[in-house]
Amino acid sequence: MVKLKDCPVKVKTSSSQVPLSFCWRNTWFPVENILEYWEDTGCWWKGEIEKTFFRVASGKQIFELYNEKDSADWHLYGIYD
C-alpha cells in the first residue's frame, strides 16, 4: 500500500539528474537503489507538465520521488508500507 504525500523535498542528484539522496522532515535519506523509473505525461490536454518518477529504496523503506520536466523542484509522491 502507498501513502500519498506529494510534498516538496530537497534532492541531491547526479549530473544526469538521478536522485542520490533526499531530505524529508529534516532527515536525509540516501538512495541505496533505484528500483524503477518512468516518465508520465499526465493529462497533457489539460496542460499538465511531464514528470519523471523514481521508485527508490532507502533502508527498509521504498519511496516515490518525481520532478517536473525542466524544473529543479522535486516532490515526495508516496511512501510504501
N, C-alpha and C. Protein backbone atom coordinates (compact mmCIF):
# COMPACT_ATOMS: atom_id res chain seq x y z
N MET A 1 0.83 -1.17 0.00
CA MET A 1 0.00 0.00 0.00
C MET A 1 0.89 1.24 0.00
N VAL A 2 0.44 2.27 -0.71
CA VAL A 2 1.20 3.51 -0.82
C VAL A 2 0.48 4.63 -0.07
N LYS A 3 1.22 5.32 0.77
CA LYS A 3 0.68 6.52 1.42
C LYS A 3 1.09 7.71 0.55
N LEU A 4 0.12 8.38 -0.05
CA LEU A 4 0.41 9.51 -0.91
C LEU A 4 0.74 10.74 -0.09
N LYS A 5 1.79 11.43 -0.47
CA LYS A 5 2.24 12.63 0.24
C LYS A 5 2.23 13.84 -0.70
N ASP A 6 2.86 13.72 -1.85
CA ASP A 6 3.01 14.78 -2.85
C ASP A 6 3.43 16.11 -2.21
N CYS A 7 4.55 16.05 -1.49
CA CYS A 7 5.08 17.25 -0.84
C CYS A 7 6.47 17.56 -1.38
N PRO A 8 6.84 18.84 -1.39
CA PRO A 8 8.18 19.20 -1.88
C PRO A 8 9.28 18.67 -0.97
N VAL A 9 10.37 18.23 -1.59
CA VAL A 9 11.54 17.76 -0.84
C VAL A 9 12.81 18.28 -1.52
N LYS A 10 13.89 18.33 -0.75
CA LYS A 10 15.20 18.65 -1.30
C LYS A 10 15.82 17.35 -1.77
N VAL A 11 16.44 17.38 -2.96
CA VAL A 11 17.06 16.18 -3.51
C VAL A 11 18.45 16.53 -4.03
N LYS A 12 19.42 15.70 -3.68
CA LYS A 12 20.76 15.79 -4.27
C LYS A 12 20.80 14.79 -5.42
N THR A 13 21.23 15.25 -6.59
CA THR A 13 21.22 14.40 -7.78
C THR A 13 22.61 14.24 -8.37
N SER A 14 22.73 13.24 -9.22
CA SER A 14 23.95 13.07 -10.01
C SER A 14 23.90 14.08 -11.17
N SER A 15 24.95 14.12 -11.96
CA SER A 15 24.98 15.04 -13.11
C SER A 15 23.92 14.69 -14.14
N SER A 16 23.42 13.46 -14.12
CA SER A 16 22.36 13.05 -15.05
C SER A 16 20.97 13.15 -14.42
N GLN A 17 20.87 13.88 -13.31
CA GLN A 17 19.60 14.14 -12.62
C GLN A 17 18.94 12.91 -11.99
N VAL A 18 19.76 11.94 -11.60
CA VAL A 18 19.28 10.76 -10.88
C VAL A 18 19.40 11.07 -9.39
N PRO A 19 18.36 10.82 -8.59
CA PRO A 19 18.45 11.14 -7.16
C PRO A 19 19.47 10.28 -6.42
N LEU A 20 20.28 10.95 -5.61
CA LEU A 20 21.28 10.28 -4.77
C LEU A 20 20.86 10.25 -3.31
N SER A 21 20.16 11.29 -2.88
CA SER A 21 19.61 11.37 -1.53
C SER A 21 18.53 12.45 -1.53
N PHE A 22 17.67 12.40 -0.50
CA PHE A 22 16.61 13.40 -0.39
C PHE A 22 16.33 13.69 1.07
N CYS A 23 15.81 14.88 1.33
CA CYS A 23 15.52 15.33 2.68
C CYS A 23 14.01 15.44 2.86
N TRP A 24 13.49 14.70 3.82
CA TRP A 24 12.07 14.73 4.16
C TRP A 24 11.96 14.82 5.67
N ARG A 25 11.19 15.78 6.14
CA ARG A 25 11.02 16.03 7.58
C ARG A 25 12.35 16.20 8.30
N ASN A 26 13.22 16.98 7.67
CA ASN A 26 14.55 17.32 8.22
C ASN A 26 15.49 16.13 8.39
N THR A 27 15.24 15.04 7.67
CA THR A 27 16.12 13.88 7.70
C THR A 27 16.54 13.55 6.27
N TRP A 28 17.85 13.37 6.08
CA TRP A 28 18.35 12.98 4.77
C TRP A 28 18.31 11.46 4.63
N PHE A 29 17.77 10.99 3.52
CA PHE A 29 17.67 9.57 3.21
C PHE A 29 18.57 9.27 2.01
N PRO A 30 19.54 8.38 2.15
CA PRO A 30 20.36 8.02 0.99
C PRO A 30 19.57 7.11 0.06
N VAL A 31 19.70 7.33 -1.22
CA VAL A 31 19.07 6.43 -2.20
C VAL A 31 20.03 5.27 -2.40
N GLU A 32 19.65 4.11 -1.89
CA GLU A 32 20.51 2.94 -1.96
C GLU A 32 20.31 2.15 -3.24
N ASN A 33 19.10 2.27 -3.82
CA ASN A 33 18.80 1.53 -5.05
C ASN A 33 17.65 2.22 -5.76
N ILE A 34 17.77 2.36 -7.07
CA ILE A 34 16.66 2.84 -7.88
C ILE A 34 15.96 1.59 -8.42
N LEU A 35 14.75 1.39 -7.96
CA LEU A 35 14.01 0.18 -8.31
C LEU A 35 13.32 0.29 -9.66
N GLU A 36 12.93 1.51 -10.00
CA GLU A 36 12.21 1.73 -11.25
C GLU A 36 12.17 3.22 -11.53
N TYR A 37 12.10 3.59 -12.80
CA TYR A 37 11.87 4.98 -13.14
C TYR A 37 11.05 5.04 -14.42
N TRP A 38 10.27 6.10 -14.57
CA TRP A 38 9.42 6.24 -15.74
C TRP A 38 9.02 7.70 -15.92
N GLU A 39 8.58 8.01 -17.12
CA GLU A 39 8.07 9.35 -17.41
C GLU A 39 6.56 9.27 -17.54
N ASP A 40 5.89 10.28 -17.00
CA ASP A 40 4.43 10.32 -17.02
C ASP A 40 4.01 11.64 -17.66
N THR A 41 3.22 11.56 -18.71
CA THR A 41 2.78 12.78 -19.39
C THR A 41 1.58 13.40 -18.71
N GLY A 42 0.93 12.66 -17.82
CA GLY A 42 -0.24 13.21 -17.12
C GLY A 42 -1.35 13.57 -18.09
N CYS A 43 -2.17 14.51 -17.71
CA CYS A 43 -3.27 14.98 -18.57
C CYS A 43 -2.74 16.12 -19.44
N TRP A 44 -1.94 15.78 -20.44
CA TRP A 44 -1.31 16.79 -21.28
C TRP A 44 -2.33 17.72 -21.93
N TRP A 45 -3.53 17.21 -22.19
CA TRP A 45 -4.56 18.02 -22.82
C TRP A 45 -5.10 19.09 -21.86
N LYS A 46 -4.80 18.92 -20.57
CA LYS A 46 -5.17 19.92 -19.57
C LYS A 46 -3.98 20.80 -19.19
N GLY A 47 -2.87 20.60 -19.88
CA GLY A 47 -1.69 21.42 -19.64
C GLY A 47 -0.77 20.92 -18.54
N GLU A 48 -0.97 19.68 -18.07
CA GLU A 48 -0.07 19.14 -17.04
C GLU A 48 1.32 18.95 -17.63
N ILE A 49 2.32 19.20 -16.81
CA ILE A 49 3.71 19.09 -17.24
C ILE A 49 4.19 17.65 -17.06
N GLU A 50 5.01 17.20 -17.99
CA GLU A 50 5.58 15.85 -17.90
C GLU A 50 6.44 15.72 -16.65
N LYS A 51 6.34 14.57 -15.99
CA LYS A 51 7.09 14.30 -14.77
C LYS A 51 7.94 13.04 -14.95
N THR A 52 9.08 13.01 -14.30
CA THR A 52 9.90 11.80 -14.24
C THR A 52 9.83 11.28 -12.81
N PHE A 53 9.37 10.04 -12.69
CA PHE A 53 9.22 9.38 -11.38
C PHE A 53 10.37 8.42 -11.14
N PHE A 54 10.76 8.30 -9.88
CA PHE A 54 11.76 7.33 -9.45
C PHE A 54 11.21 6.59 -8.24
N ARG A 55 11.16 5.28 -8.31
CA ARG A 55 10.85 4.46 -7.13
C ARG A 55 12.19 4.04 -6.56
N VAL A 56 12.47 4.44 -5.32
CA VAL A 56 13.79 4.24 -4.74
C VAL A 56 13.70 3.53 -3.40
N ALA A 57 14.78 2.86 -3.05
CA ALA A 57 14.89 2.20 -1.75
C ALA A 57 15.89 2.96 -0.90
N SER A 58 15.51 3.16 0.37
CA SER A 58 16.39 3.76 1.36
C SER A 58 16.16 3.01 2.66
N GLY A 59 17.17 2.29 3.09
CA GLY A 59 16.98 1.44 4.26
C GLY A 59 15.94 0.38 3.95
N LYS A 60 14.97 0.23 4.83
CA LYS A 60 13.91 -0.77 4.62
C LYS A 60 12.67 -0.16 4.01
N GLN A 61 12.75 1.12 3.59
CA GLN A 61 11.58 1.79 3.04
C GLN A 61 11.72 2.02 1.54
N ILE A 62 10.57 2.13 0.89
CA ILE A 62 10.51 2.42 -0.53
C ILE A 62 9.72 3.72 -0.70
N PHE A 63 10.27 4.61 -1.51
CA PHE A 63 9.68 5.93 -1.75
C PHE A 63 9.50 6.16 -3.24
N GLU A 64 8.56 7.03 -3.59
CA GLU A 64 8.45 7.51 -4.96
C GLU A 64 8.69 9.00 -4.97
N LEU A 65 9.66 9.40 -5.78
CA LEU A 65 10.01 10.79 -5.96
C LEU A 65 9.72 11.18 -7.40
N TYR A 66 9.44 12.46 -7.63
CA TYR A 66 9.33 12.92 -9.01
C TYR A 66 9.79 14.36 -9.13
N ASN A 67 10.18 14.70 -10.36
CA ASN A 67 10.40 16.10 -10.68
C ASN A 67 9.74 16.40 -12.02
N GLU A 68 9.33 17.65 -12.17
CA GLU A 68 8.68 18.06 -13.40
C GLU A 68 9.75 18.39 -14.44
N LYS A 69 9.42 18.11 -15.70
CA LYS A 69 10.34 18.35 -16.80
C LYS A 69 10.82 19.80 -16.76
N ASP A 70 12.12 19.98 -16.95
CA ASP A 70 12.76 21.30 -16.98
C ASP A 70 12.62 22.07 -15.67
N SER A 71 12.51 21.36 -14.55
CA SER A 71 12.40 22.01 -13.25
C SER A 71 13.40 21.39 -12.28
N ALA A 72 13.86 22.20 -11.35
CA ALA A 72 14.76 21.69 -10.31
C ALA A 72 13.97 21.26 -9.07
N ASP A 73 12.66 21.46 -9.09
CA ASP A 73 11.82 21.12 -7.94
C ASP A 73 11.48 19.63 -7.91
N TRP A 74 11.63 19.04 -6.72
CA TRP A 74 11.33 17.63 -6.52
C TRP A 74 10.20 17.48 -5.51
N HIS A 75 9.50 16.35 -5.62
CA HIS A 75 8.41 16.04 -4.72
C HIS A 75 8.50 14.59 -4.26
N LEU A 76 8.14 14.37 -3.01
CA LEU A 76 7.94 13.02 -2.50
C LEU A 76 6.50 12.69 -2.79
N TYR A 77 6.28 11.76 -3.72
CA TYR A 77 4.92 11.42 -4.13
C TYR A 77 4.26 10.43 -3.18
N GLY A 78 5.03 9.42 -2.75
CA GLY A 78 4.43 8.41 -1.88
C GLY A 78 5.47 7.58 -1.15
N ILE A 79 4.98 6.90 -0.11
CA ILE A 79 5.80 6.01 0.70
C ILE A 79 5.08 4.66 0.77
N TYR A 80 5.81 3.59 0.48
CA TYR A 80 5.24 2.24 0.53
C TYR A 80 5.35 1.67 1.93
N ASP A 81 4.30 0.97 2.34
CA ASP A 81 4.30 0.27 3.63
C ASP A 81 5.03 -1.05 3.50
